[in-house]
Amino acid sequence: MNYKLEDAIKRNKPRLIICSILWLFLAIVFVAPFSYTLFESTVNGRFELEVFMEQFAPNIMNPFATLGGIFTDGVTHDFVSLLLGFTIVYLILFFVGFSKSTPKNEFKNIEHGSSDWSQRGEQYQILSKNSGIVLAENNYLPLDKRGNVNVLVVGRIRIW
């Protein structure tokens, strides 16, 4: 089971970095302006949609000024709670994608018919390292072998 996690981490390391940068970008550019605009559009305990629509675009255009406004106007509690909700949804989506990318078995991306199944040269008890009928890279079926030396070659002929 451990091979699935190791292989998924190895193959998804660049995607993990990109997803982290995307999360930071979305938190600054969309979550912060949304929470600050939500605060600005709440007048006397009532939500005003017109004020929200008016203020949302300018807050998105100036995300760092909006972040400053969040900390100076005391909206940090609203921002943190909205950021926490966004992060939970983002992590759920990330882990669904991450789990879909795990290999189904430990032999994924291993060439079928290669000598990767053998260890420490045990294939050379049967095969030859130097000459004979080519089976795989550095694996030859010796011609002087006793017994069945029938070989089925599957592939295509390349004529250029």
C-alpha atoms as a PDB file:
ATOM      1  CA  MET A   1       0.000   0.000   0.000  1.00  0.00           C
ATOM      2  CA  ASN A   2       2.914   2.318   0.693  1.00  0.00           C
ATOM      3  CA  TYR A   3       4.012   2.228  -2.954  1.00  0.00           C
ATOM      4  CA  LYS A   4       0.789   3.996  -3.951  1.00  0.00           C
ATOM      5  CA  LEU A   5       1.435   6.963  -1.699  1.00  0.00           C
ATOM      6  CA  GLU A   6       5.134   7.195  -2.597  1.00  0.00           C
ATOM      7  CA  ASP A   7       4.448   7.021  -6.330  1.00  0.00           C
ATOM      8  CA  ALA A   8       1.611   9.525  -6.125  1.00  0.00           C
ATOM      9  CA  ILE A   9       3.767  12.001  -4.180  1.00  0.00           C
ATOM     10  CA  LYS A  10       6.668  11.537  -6.584  1.00  0.00           C
ATOM     11  CA  ARG A  11       4.500  12.075  -9.669  1.00  0.00           C
ATOM     12  CA  ASN A  12       2.461  14.937  -8.199  1.00  0.00           C
ATOM     13  CA  LYS A  13       5.205  17.033  -6.592  1.00  0.00           C
ATOM     14  CA  PRO A  14       5.039  19.755  -9.291  1.00  0.00           C
ATOM     15  CA  ARG A  15       1.236  19.759  -9.093  1.00  0.00           C
ATOM     16  CA  LEU A  16       1.416  20.119  -5.310  1.00  0.00           C
ATOM     17  CA  ILE A  17       3.573  23.224  -5.669  1.00  0.00           C
ATOM     18  CA  ILE A  18       1.245  24.675  -8.310  1.00  0.00           C
ATOM     19  CA  CYS A  19      -1.829  23.964  -6.151  1.00  0.00           C
ATOM     20  CA  SER A  20      -0.197  25.670  -3.163  1.00  0.00           C
ATOM     21  CA  ILE A  21       0.596  28.765  -5.221  1.00  0.00           C
ATOM     22  CA  LEU A  22      -2.953  28.741  -6.654  1.00  0.00           C
ATOM     23  CA  TRP A  23      -4.433  28.527  -3.142  1.00  0.00           C
ATOM     24  CA  LEU A  24      -2.365  31.525  -2.021  1.00  0.00           C
ATOM     25  CA  PHE A  25      -3.355  33.493  -5.131  1.00  0.00           C
ATOM     26  CA  LEU A  26      -7.066  32.720  -4.688  1.00  0.00           C
ATOM     27  CA  ALA A  27      -6.912  33.568  -0.986  1.00  0.00           C
ATOM     28  CA  ILE A  28      -5.417  36.985  -1.717  1.00  0.00           C
ATOM     29  CA  VAL A  29      -7.313  37.866  -4.883  1.00  0.00           C
ATOM     30  CA  PHE A  30     -10.774  36.424  -4.207  1.00  0.00           C
ATOM     31  CA  VAL A  31     -11.333  35.396  -0.587  1.00  0.00           C
ATOM     32  CA  ALA A  32      -9.971  38.584   0.982  1.00  0.00           C
ATOM     33  CA  PRO A  33     -11.946  40.953  -1.294  1.00  0.00           C
ATOM     34  CA  PHE A  34     -15.071  38.833  -0.903  1.00  0.00           C
ATOM     35  CA  SER A  35     -14.946  38.903   2.898  1.00  0.00           C
ATOM     36  CA  TYR A  36     -14.112  42.635   3.010  1.00  0.00           C
ATOM     37  CA  THR A  37     -16.878  43.478   0.520  1.00  0.00           C
ATOM     38  CA  LEU A  38     -19.278  41.367   2.553  1.00  0.00           C
ATOM     39  CA  PHE A  39     -18.327  43.437   5.606  1.00  0.00           C
ATOM     40  CA  GLU A  40     -18.725  46.740   3.719  1.00  0.00           C
ATOM     41  CA  SER A  41     -22.099  45.774   2.261  1.00  0.00           C
ATOM     42  CA  THR A  42     -23.618  44.888   5.625  1.00  0.00           C
ATOM     43  CA  VAL A  43     -25.277  48.061   6.852  1.00  0.00           C
ATOM     44  CA  ASN A  44     -27.163  48.047  10.177  1.00  0.00           C
ATOM     45  CA  GLY A  45     -27.159  44.241  10.202  1.00  0.00           C
ATOM     46  CA  ARG A  46     -28.699  44.020   6.710  1.00  0.00           C
ATOM     47  CA  PHE A  47     -26.947  42.823   3.571  1.00  0.00           C
ATOM     48  CA  GLU A  48     -27.151  45.328   0.692  1.00  0.00           C
ATOM     49  CA  LEU A  49     -26.635  43.643  -2.686  1.00  0.00           C
ATOM     50  CA  GLU A  50     -26.174  46.954  -4.524  1.00  0.00           C
ATOM     51  CA  VAL A  51     -23.318  47.985  -2.261  1.00  0.00           C
ATOM     52  CA  PHE A  52     -21.768  44.527  -2.590  1.00  0.00           C
ATOM     53  CA  MET A  53     -21.861  44.655  -6.399  1.00  0.00           C
ATOM     54  CA  GLU A  54     -20.456  48.205  -6.387  1.00  0.00           C
ATOM     55  CA  GLN A  55     -17.552  47.454  -4.056  1.00  0.00           C
ATOM     56  CA  PHE A  56     -16.561  43.945  -5.136  1.00  0.00           C
ATOM     57  CA  ALA A  57     -14.820  44.883  -8.412  1.00  0.00           C
ATOM     58  CA  PRO A  58     -12.669  47.670  -6.904  1.00  0.00           C
ATOM     59  CA  ASN A  59     -11.705  45.390  -4.009  1.00  0.00           C
ATOM     60  CA  ILE A  60     -10.601  42.681  -6.434  1.00  0.00           C
ATOM     61  CA  MET A  61      -8.569  45.227  -8.393  1.00  0.00           C
ATOM     62  CA  ASN A  62      -6.678  46.246  -5.212  1.00  0.00           C
ATOM     63  CA  PRO A  63      -6.238  43.001  -3.245  1.00  0.00           C
ATOM     64  CA  PHE A  64      -3.377  44.236  -1.042  1.00  0.00           C
ATOM     65  CA  ALA A  65      -5.275  47.398  -0.088  1.00  0.00           C
ATOM     66  CA  THR A  66      -8.202  45.129   0.735  1.00  0.00           C
ATOM     67  CA  LEU A  67      -5.958  42.973   2.936  1.00  0.00           C
ATOM     68  CA  GLY A  68      -4.821  46.108   4.729  1.00  0.00           C
ATOM     69  CA  GLY A  69      -8.455  47.154   5.181  1.00  0.00           C
ATOM     70  CA  ILE A  70      -9.283  43.755   6.641  1.00  0.00           C
ATOM     71  CA  PHE A  71      -6.685  44.170   9.375  1.00  0.00           C
ATOM     72  CA  THR A  72      -7.334  47.859  10.089  1.00  0.00           C
ATOM     73  CA  ASP A  73     -11.156  47.649  10.141  1.00  0.00           C
ATOM     74  CA  GLY A  74     -11.287  44.566  12.351  1.00  0.00           C
ATOM     75  CA  VAL A  75     -12.678  42.121   9.806  1.00  0.00           C
ATOM     76  CA  THR A  76     -10.070  39.469  10.573  1.00  0.00           C
ATOM     77  CA  HIS A  77     -12.572  37.110  12.212  1.00  0.00           C
ATOM     78  CA  ASP A  78     -14.811  37.115   9.132  1.00  0.00           C
ATOM     79  CA  PHE A  79     -11.801  36.758   6.827  1.00  0.00           C
ATOM     80  CA  VAL A  80     -10.307  33.854   8.797  1.00  0.00           C
ATOM     81  CA  SER A  81     -13.612  31.973   8.963  1.00  0.00           C
ATOM     82  CA  LEU A  82     -14.208  32.441   5.226  1.00  0.00           C
ATOM     83  CA  LEU A  83     -10.609  31.459   4.476  1.00  0.00           C
ATOM     84  CA  LEU A  84     -10.986  28.337   6.614  1.00  0.00           C
ATOM     85  CA  GLY A  85     -14.130  27.293   4.739  1.00  0.00           C
ATOM     86  CA  PHE A  86     -12.446  27.954   1.393  1.00  0.00           C
ATOM     87  CA  THR A  87      -9.372  25.975   2.470  1.00  0.00           C
ATOM     88  CA  ILE A  88     -11.450  22.976   3.549  1.00  0.00           C
ATOM     89  CA  VAL A  89     -13.281  22.871   0.200  1.00  0.00           C
ATOM     90  CA  TYR A  90      -9.982  23.355  -1.662  1.00  0.00           C
ATOM     91  CA  LEU A  91      -8.303  20.528   0.285  1.00  0.00           C
ATOM     92  CA  ILE A  92     -11.213  18.174  -0.351  1.00  0.00           C
ATOM     93  CA  LEU A  93     -10.981  18.827  -4.078  1.00  0.00           C
ATOM     94  CA  PHE A  94      -7.192  18.465  -3.974  1.00  0.00           C
ATOM     95  CA  PHE A  95      -7.299  15.128  -2.160  1.00  0.00           C
ATOM     96  CA  VAL A  96      -9.944  13.777  -4.534  1.00  0.00           C
ATOM     97  CA  GLY A  97      -7.645  14.598  -7.448  1.00  0.00           C
ATOM     98  CA  PHE A  98      -4.638  13.236  -5.571  1.00  0.00           C
ATOM     99  CA  SER A  99      -6.388   9.947  -4.815  1.00  0.00           C
ATOM    100  CA  LYS A 100      -7.419   9.609  -8.464  1.00  0.00           C
ATOM    101  CA  SER A 101      -3.763   9.889  -9.487  1.00  0.00           C
ATOM    102  CA  THR A 102      -2.532   7.039  -7.280  1.00  0.00           C
ATOM    103  CA  PRO A 103      -1.443   3.961  -9.226  1.00  0.00           C
ATOM    104  CA  LYS A 104      -3.798   0.995  -9.310  1.00  0.00           C
ATOM    105  CA  ASN A 105      -0.939  -1.476  -8.804  1.00  0.00           C
ATOM    106  CA  GLU A 106       2.789  -1.353  -8.181  1.00  0.00           C
ATOM    107  CA  PHE A 107       3.661  -2.328 -11.759  1.00  0.00           C
ATOM    108  CA  LYS A 108       2.334   0.854 -13.367  1.00  0.00           C
ATOM    109  CA  ASN A 109       4.724   2.390 -15.916  1.00  0.00           C
ATOM    110  CA  ILE A 110       6.936  -0.696 -15.966  1.00  0.00           C
ATOM    111  CA  GLU A 111       7.486  -2.084 -19.433  1.00  0.00           C
ATOM    112  CA  HIS A 112       5.812  -5.456 -19.890  1.00  0.00           C
ATOM    113  CA  GLY A 113       8.409  -7.966 -20.992  1.00  0.00           C
ATOM    114  CA  SER A 114      11.322  -6.138 -19.432  1.00  0.00           C
ATOM    115  CA  SER A 115      13.807  -7.687 -17.079  1.00  0.00           C
ATOM    116  CA  ASP A 116      12.611  -5.524 -14.174  1.00  0.00           C
ATOM    117  CA  TRP A 117      11.075  -8.617 -12.577  1.00  0.00           C
ATOM    118  CA  SER A 118      14.476 -10.105 -11.809  1.00  0.00           C
ATOM    119  CA  GLN A 119      16.979  -8.984  -9.200  1.00  0.00           C
ATOM    120  CA  ARG A 120      20.783  -8.974  -9.021  1.00  0.00           C
ATOM    121  CA  GLY A 121      21.341 -10.724 -12.339  1.00  0.00           C
ATOM    122  CA  GLU A 122      19.237 -13.833 -11.703  1.00  0.00           C
ATOM    123  CA  GLN A 123      17.887 -13.654 -15.268  1.00  0.00           C
ATOM    124  CA  TYR A 124      21.361 -14.503 -16.568  1.00  0.00           C
ATOM    125  CA  GLN A 125      20.985 -18.056 -15.260  1.00  0.00           C
ATOM    126  CA  ILE A 126      18.674 -18.538 -18.231  1.00  0.00           C
ATOM    127  CA  LEU A 127      19.527 -15.643 -20.536  1.00  0.00           C
ATOM    128  CA  SER A 128      22.771 -14.310 -21.898  1.00  0.00           C
ATOM    129  CA  LYS A 129      24.132 -10.842 -21.271  1.00  0.00           C
ATOM    130  CA  ASN A 130      26.117 -10.582 -24.503  1.00  0.00           C
ATOM    131  CA  SER A 131      24.751 -12.439 -27.554  1.00  0.00           C
ATOM    132  CA  GLY A 132      21.788 -14.333 -28.956  1.00  0.00           C
ATOM    133  CA  ILE A 133      18.224 -13.380 -29.856  1.00  0.00           C
ATOM    134  CA  VAL A 134      17.364  -9.940 -28.458  1.00  0.00           C
ATOM    135  CA  LEU A 135      14.623 -10.049 -25.840  1.00  0.00           C
ATOM    136  CA  ALA A 136      15.160  -6.768 -24.018  1.00  0.00           C
ATOM    137  CA  GLU A 137      17.988  -4.358 -23.372  1.00  0.00           C
ATOM    138  CA  ASN A 138      21.011  -6.400 -22.218  1.00  0.00           C
ATOM    139  CA  ASN A 139      18.961  -9.616 -22.303  1.00  0.00           C
ATOM    140  CA  TYR A 140      19.536 -12.177 -25.043  1.00  0.00           C
ATOM    141  CA  LEU A 141      18.236 -15.697 -25.500  1.00  0.00           C
ATOM    142  CA  PRO A 142      21.347 -17.780 -26.164  1.00  0.00           C
ATOM    143  CA  LEU A 143      21.347 -19.844 -29.349  1.00  0.00           C
ATOM    144  CA  ASP A 144      23.247 -22.740 -27.776  1.00  0.00           C
ATOM    145  CA  LYS A 145      20.623 -23.264 -25.059  1.00  0.00           C
ATOM    146  CA  ARG A 146      19.142 -26.750 -24.781  1.00  0.00           C
ATOM    147  CA  GLY A 147      15.392 -27.072 -24.774  1.00  0.00           C
ATOM    148  CA  ASN A 148      12.722 -24.824 -26.177  1.00  0.00           C
ATOM    149  CA  VAL A 149      14.146 -21.624 -27.695  1.00  0.00           C
ATOM    150  CA  ASN A 150      11.005 -20.546 -29.546  1.00  0.00           C
ATOM    151  CA  VAL A 151      10.517 -16.776 -29.478  1.00  0.00           C
ATOM    152  CA  LEU A 152       7.414 -14.799 -30.335  1.00  0.00           C
ATOM    153  CA  VAL A 153       8.275 -11.263 -31.411  1.00  0.00           C
ATOM    154  CA  VAL A 154       5.451  -8.765 -31.109  1.00  0.00           C
ATOM    155  CA  GLY A 155       5.936  -5.381 -32.659  1.00  0.00           C
ATOM    156  CA  ARG A 156       5.960  -3.638 -35.974  1.00  0.00           C
ATOM    157  CA  ILE A 157       8.386  -3.414 -38.804  1.00  0.00           C
ATOM    158  CA  ARG A 158       9.635   0.080 -39.438  1.00  0.00           C
ATOM    159  CA  ILE A 159      10.493   0.814 -43.036  1.00  0.00           C
ATOM    160  CA  TRP A 160      11.601   4.363 -43.650  1.00  0.00           C
END
